[in-house]
Amino acid sequence: MTALPTALLNPHRSGLVVALASAITLGLVFVSQYGFGLAPCELCLWQRWPHAAAILLGLAALLLPRFRVALLALAALSLAVGGGIGVFHVGVEQKWWQGLASCSGAPTPDSIDALRAQLLAAPVVRCDEVAFRFLGLSMAGWNVLWSALLALFAGLAAKRAVTE
């Protein structure tokens, strides 16, 4: 049972694991968007970038063993940032705090021109409304958990690569 984590934390493979896990994550997101019509809000789009960075950093760690420790550490940092964006997004969804003005309810305009400008600038999808839940968690909530797990994995893999 303990051989699986040890094999996954193998510094020679860990970059590939990080890259594949983030690629699968983005693949699921794109299937949700284009296959099931689940349009993303602005914060959803922001949460994708750290996974894209983790793919590049993971592949670089695989191909550039001399820089493996730094690249895996950067991948862990990128994924932690993605999880942080997810925490902010969950807080906006749960109304724990105010979201970005660009993707949440805006104040009532005081003129017709202001109303027109607000309507033209309004995003299609609001960040403060949960579009889909699975097992009680929004996609942002799942991203928090998954990003934290991947960040922990990448950080442990970087630590292990230091000792080898």
C-alpha atoms as a PDB file:
ATOM      1  CA  MET A   1       0.000   0.000   0.000  1.00  0.00           C
ATOM      2  CA  THR A   2       2.859   2.415   0.747  1.00  0.00           C
ATOM      3  CA  ALA A   3       4.607   1.541  -2.528  1.00  0.00           C
ATOM      4  CA  LEU A   4       2.110   3.532  -4.600  1.00  0.00           C
ATOM      5  CA  PRO A   5       2.838   6.961  -3.053  1.00  0.00           C
ATOM      6  CA  THR A   6       6.573   6.209  -3.130  1.00  0.00           C
ATOM      7  CA  ALA A   7       6.365   5.304  -6.813  1.00  0.00           C
ATOM      8  CA  LEU A   8       4.338   8.429  -7.577  1.00  0.00           C
ATOM      9  CA  LEU A   9       6.760  10.627  -5.633  1.00  0.00           C
ATOM     10  CA  ASN A  10       9.633   9.304  -7.712  1.00  0.00           C
ATOM     11  CA  PRO A  11      11.338  12.554  -8.774  1.00  0.00           C
ATOM     12  CA  HIS A  12      11.748  11.238 -12.306  1.00  0.00           C
ATOM     13  CA  ARG A  13       7.982  10.745 -12.697  1.00  0.00           C
ATOM     14  CA  SER A  14       6.499  13.409 -10.448  1.00  0.00           C
ATOM     15  CA  GLY A  15       6.609  16.169 -13.068  1.00  0.00           C
ATOM     16  CA  LEU A  16       4.645  13.951 -15.412  1.00  0.00           C
ATOM     17  CA  VAL A  17       2.118  13.158 -12.669  1.00  0.00           C
ATOM     18  CA  VAL A  18       1.600  16.886 -11.969  1.00  0.00           C
ATOM     19  CA  ALA A  19       1.271  17.670 -15.684  1.00  0.00           C
ATOM     20  CA  LEU A  20      -1.161  14.811 -16.332  1.00  0.00           C
ATOM     21  CA  ALA A  21      -3.303  15.587 -13.274  1.00  0.00           C
ATOM     22  CA  SER A  22      -3.619  19.232 -14.281  1.00  0.00           C
ATOM     23  CA  ALA A  23      -4.259  18.295 -17.921  1.00  0.00           C
ATOM     24  CA  ILE A  24      -7.041  15.931 -16.844  1.00  0.00           C
ATOM     25  CA  THR A  25      -8.455  18.710 -14.661  1.00  0.00           C
ATOM     26  CA  LEU A  26      -8.553  21.134 -17.578  1.00  0.00           C
ATOM     27  CA  GLY A  27      -9.955  18.407 -19.810  1.00  0.00           C
ATOM     28  CA  LEU A  28     -12.850  17.866 -17.394  1.00  0.00           C
ATOM     29  CA  VAL A  29     -13.447  21.605 -17.239  1.00  0.00           C
ATOM     30  CA  PHE A  30     -13.570  21.883 -21.026  1.00  0.00           C
ATOM     31  CA  VAL A  31     -15.924  18.898 -21.287  1.00  0.00           C
ATOM     32  CA  SER A  32     -18.178  20.592 -18.719  1.00  0.00           C
ATOM     33  CA  GLN A  33     -18.082  23.806 -20.703  1.00  0.00           C
ATOM     34  CA  TYR A  34     -18.322  22.613 -24.284  1.00  0.00           C
ATOM     35  CA  GLY A  35     -19.936  19.211 -23.816  1.00  0.00           C
ATOM     36  CA  PHE A  36     -22.519  20.122 -21.195  1.00  0.00           C
ATOM     37  CA  GLY A  37     -22.911  23.862 -21.805  1.00  0.00           C
ATOM     38  CA  LEU A  38     -21.709  24.910 -18.346  1.00  0.00           C
ATOM     39  CA  ALA A  39     -20.422  28.408 -19.108  1.00  0.00           C
ATOM     40  CA  PRO A  40     -17.611  29.640 -16.842  1.00  0.00           C
ATOM     41  CA  CYS A  41     -17.626  32.880 -14.899  1.00  0.00           C
ATOM     42  CA  GLU A  42     -14.578  35.137 -14.681  1.00  0.00           C
ATOM     43  CA  LEU A  43     -13.250  33.466 -11.512  1.00  0.00           C
ATOM     44  CA  CYS A  44     -13.701  30.047 -13.122  1.00  0.00           C
ATOM     45  CA  LEU A  45     -11.476  31.204 -15.959  1.00  0.00           C
ATOM     46  CA  TRP A  46      -8.878  32.514 -13.502  1.00  0.00           C
ATOM     47  CA  GLN A  47      -8.756  29.114 -11.801  1.00  0.00           C
ATOM     48  CA  ARG A  48      -7.684  27.483 -15.062  1.00  0.00           C
ATOM     49  CA  TRP A  49      -4.425  29.396 -15.446  1.00  0.00           C
ATOM     50  CA  PRO A  50      -2.592  27.797 -12.485  1.00  0.00           C
ATOM     51  CA  HIS A  51      -3.373  24.355 -13.914  1.00  0.00           C
ATOM     52  CA  ALA A  52      -2.014  25.425 -17.305  1.00  0.00           C
ATOM     53  CA  ALA A  53       1.139  26.662 -15.568  1.00  0.00           C
ATOM     54  CA  ALA A  54       1.404  23.378 -13.640  1.00  0.00           C
ATOM     55  CA  ILE A  55       1.242  21.438 -16.908  1.00  0.00           C
ATOM     56  CA  LEU A  56       4.143  23.425 -18.335  1.00  0.00           C
ATOM     57  CA  LEU A  57       6.151  23.309 -15.104  1.00  0.00           C
ATOM     58  CA  GLY A  58       5.537  19.575 -14.678  1.00  0.00           C
ATOM     59  CA  LEU A  59       6.670  18.821 -18.206  1.00  0.00           C
ATOM     60  CA  ALA A  60       9.688  21.079 -17.762  1.00  0.00           C
ATOM     61  CA  ALA A  61      10.546  19.184 -14.536  1.00  0.00           C
ATOM     62  CA  LEU A  62      10.385  15.958 -16.515  1.00  0.00           C
ATOM     63  CA  LEU A  63      12.606  17.250 -19.325  1.00  0.00           C
ATOM     64  CA  LEU A  64      15.023  19.382 -17.289  1.00  0.00           C
ATOM     65  CA  PRO A  65      16.183  17.233 -14.373  1.00  0.00           C
ATOM     66  CA  ARG A  66      18.777  19.799 -13.323  1.00  0.00           C
ATOM     67  CA  PHE A  67      15.968  22.253 -12.449  1.00  0.00           C
ATOM     68  CA  ARG A  68      13.479  19.632 -11.230  1.00  0.00           C
ATOM     69  CA  VAL A  69      13.357  20.822  -7.602  1.00  0.00           C
ATOM     70  CA  ALA A  70      12.656  24.446  -8.525  1.00  0.00           C
ATOM     71  CA  LEU A  71      10.152  23.528 -11.225  1.00  0.00           C
ATOM     72  CA  LEU A  72       8.190  21.210  -8.940  1.00  0.00           C
ATOM     73  CA  ALA A  73       8.233  23.859  -6.205  1.00  0.00           C
ATOM     74  CA  LEU A  74       6.909  26.416  -8.685  1.00  0.00           C
ATOM     75  CA  ALA A  75       4.222  23.963  -9.780  1.00  0.00           C
ATOM     76  CA  ALA A  76       3.231  23.540  -6.116  1.00  0.00           C
ATOM     77  CA  LEU A  77       3.080  27.320  -5.717  1.00  0.00           C
ATOM     78  CA  SER A  78       1.015  27.685  -8.886  1.00  0.00           C
ATOM     79  CA  LEU A  79      -1.468  25.061  -7.721  1.00  0.00           C
ATOM     80  CA  ALA A  80      -1.661  26.658  -4.270  1.00  0.00           C
ATOM     81  CA  VAL A  81      -2.505  29.975  -5.938  1.00  0.00           C
ATOM     82  CA  GLY A  82      -5.207  28.191  -7.951  1.00  0.00           C
ATOM     83  CA  GLY A  83      -6.601  26.774  -4.730  1.00  0.00           C
ATOM     84  CA  GLY A  84      -6.543  30.261  -3.220  1.00  0.00           C
ATOM     85  CA  ILE A  85      -8.531  31.632  -6.143  1.00  0.00           C
ATOM     86  CA  GLY A  86     -10.933  28.736  -5.590  1.00  0.00           C
ATOM     87  CA  VAL A  87     -11.308  29.639  -1.895  1.00  0.00           C
ATOM     88  CA  PHE A  88     -12.122  33.208  -2.890  1.00  0.00           C
ATOM     89  CA  HIS A  89     -14.630  31.932  -5.464  1.00  0.00           C
ATOM     90  CA  VAL A  90     -16.331  29.640  -2.936  1.00  0.00           C
ATOM     91  CA  GLY A  91     -16.584  32.585  -0.538  1.00  0.00           C
ATOM     92  CA  VAL A  92     -18.247  34.660  -3.255  1.00  0.00           C
ATOM     93  CA  GLU A  93     -20.646  31.805  -4.075  1.00  0.00           C
ATOM     94  CA  GLN A  94     -21.559  31.394  -0.411  1.00  0.00           C
ATOM     95  CA  LYS A  95     -21.940  35.180   0.048  1.00  0.00           C
ATOM     96  CA  TRP A  96     -19.202  35.162   2.724  1.00  0.00           C
ATOM     97  CA  TRP A  97     -17.656  38.188   1.022  1.00  0.00           C
ATOM     98  CA  GLN A  98     -18.179  40.453  -1.943  1.00  0.00           C
ATOM     99  CA  GLY A  99     -16.913  39.216  -5.291  1.00  0.00           C
ATOM    100  CA  LEU A 100     -15.338  41.145  -8.100  1.00  0.00           C
ATOM    101  CA  ALA A 101     -17.403  43.987  -9.479  1.00  0.00           C
ATOM    102  CA  SER A 102     -16.954  42.496 -12.941  1.00  0.00           C
ATOM    103  CA  CYS A 103     -18.700  39.203 -12.150  1.00  0.00           C
ATOM    104  CA  SER A 104     -21.130  39.778  -9.300  1.00  0.00           C
ATOM    105  CA  GLY A 105     -24.204  41.843  -8.789  1.00  0.00           C
ATOM    106  CA  ALA A 106     -23.445  45.493  -9.460  1.00  0.00           C
ATOM    107  CA  PRO A 107     -25.113  48.422  -7.742  1.00  0.00           C
ATOM    108  CA  THR A 108     -28.278  49.830  -9.285  1.00  0.00           C
ATOM    109  CA  PRO A 109     -27.433  52.434 -11.936  1.00  0.00           C
ATOM    110  CA  ASP A 110     -28.775  55.967 -11.492  1.00  0.00           C
ATOM    111  CA  SER A 111     -29.496  56.760 -15.148  1.00  0.00           C
ATOM    112  CA  ILE A 112     -30.536  55.106 -18.405  1.00  0.00           C
ATOM    113  CA  ASP A 113     -27.047  55.569 -19.849  1.00  0.00           C
ATOM    114  CA  ALA A 114     -25.493  53.988 -16.757  1.00  0.00           C
ATOM    115  CA  LEU A 115     -27.964  51.093 -16.996  1.00  0.00           C
ATOM    116  CA  ARG A 116     -27.119  50.582 -20.675  1.00  0.00           C
ATOM    117  CA  ALA A 117     -23.384  50.629 -19.911  1.00  0.00           C
ATOM    118  CA  GLN A 118     -23.877  48.157 -17.055  1.00  0.00           C
ATOM    119  CA  LEU A 119     -25.906  45.768 -19.218  1.00  0.00           C
ATOM    120  CA  LEU A 120     -23.381  45.882 -22.063  1.00  0.00           C
ATOM    121  CA  ALA A 121     -20.466  45.257 -19.686  1.00  0.00           C
ATOM    122  CA  ALA A 122     -22.209  42.527 -17.661  1.00  0.00           C
ATOM    123  CA  PRO A 123     -20.706  39.050 -17.870  1.00  0.00           C
ATOM    124  CA  VAL A 124     -22.858  36.208 -19.110  1.00  0.00           C
ATOM    125  CA  VAL A 125     -22.258  34.149 -15.956  1.00  0.00           C
ATOM    126  CA  ARG A 126     -22.205  35.512 -12.421  1.00  0.00           C
ATOM    127  CA  CYS A 127     -19.498  34.394 -10.000  1.00  0.00           C
ATOM    128  CA  ASP A 128     -21.783  34.547  -6.982  1.00  0.00           C
ATOM    129  CA  GLU A 129     -24.183  31.872  -8.223  1.00  0.00           C
ATOM    130  CA  VAL A 130     -23.332  28.175  -8.159  1.00  0.00           C
ATOM    131  CA  ALA A 131     -24.012  26.754 -11.600  1.00  0.00           C
ATOM    132  CA  PHE A 132     -23.401  23.089 -10.728  1.00  0.00           C
ATOM    133  CA  ARG A 133     -22.878  21.035  -7.572  1.00  0.00           C
ATOM    134  CA  PHE A 134     -21.521  17.532  -7.234  1.00  0.00           C
ATOM    135  CA  LEU A 135     -21.783  15.809  -3.842  1.00  0.00           C
ATOM    136  CA  GLY A 136     -22.656  19.149  -2.298  1.00  0.00           C
ATOM    137  CA  LEU A 137     -19.619  21.060  -3.589  1.00  0.00           C
ATOM    138  CA  SER A 138     -19.481  23.559  -6.413  1.00  0.00           C
ATOM    139  CA  MET A 139     -16.835  23.191  -9.088  1.00  0.00           C
ATOM    140  CA  ALA A 140     -14.875  25.926  -7.290  1.00  0.00           C
ATOM    141  CA  GLY A 141     -15.047  23.882  -4.091  1.00  0.00           C
ATOM    142  CA  TRP A 142     -13.765  20.798  -5.864  1.00  0.00           C
ATOM    143  CA  ASN A 143     -10.987  22.887  -7.371  1.00  0.00           C
ATOM    144  CA  VAL A 144      -9.917  23.986  -3.874  1.00  0.00           C
ATOM    145  CA  LEU A 145      -9.603  20.381  -2.725  1.00  0.00           C
ATOM    146  CA  TRP A 146      -7.943  19.104  -5.898  1.00  0.00           C
ATOM    147  CA  SER A 147      -5.531  22.037  -6.174  1.00  0.00           C
ATOM    148  CA  ALA A 148      -4.528  21.631  -2.520  1.00  0.00           C
ATOM    149  CA  LEU A 149      -3.910  17.913  -3.049  1.00  0.00           C
ATOM    150  CA  LEU A 150      -1.853  18.518  -6.197  1.00  0.00           C
ATOM    151  CA  ALA A 151       0.075  21.370  -4.552  1.00  0.00           C
ATOM    152  CA  LEU A 152       0.896  19.081  -1.623  1.00  0.00           C
ATOM    153  CA  PHE A 153       1.976  16.340  -4.010  1.00  0.00           C
ATOM    154  CA  ALA A 154       4.199  18.685  -6.043  1.00  0.00           C
ATOM    155  CA  GLY A 155       5.711  20.132  -2.876  1.00  0.00           C
ATOM    156  CA  LEU A 156       6.472  16.685  -1.460  1.00  0.00           C
ATOM    157  CA  ALA A 157       7.913  15.606  -4.800  1.00  0.00           C
ATOM    158  CA  ALA A 158      10.168  18.699  -4.823  1.00  0.00           C
ATOM    159  CA  LYS A 159      11.298  17.903  -1.277  1.00  0.00           C
ATOM    160  CA  ARG A 160      12.018  14.318  -2.253  1.00  0.00           C
ATOM    161  CA  ALA A 161      13.927  15.472  -5.343  1.00  0.00           C
ATOM    162  CA  VAL A 162      16.233  17.528  -3.096  1.00  0.00           C
ATOM    163  CA  THR A 163      17.335  14.399  -1.265  1.00  0.00           C
ATOM    164  CA  GLU A 164      18.125  12.494  -4.466  1.00  0.00           C
END
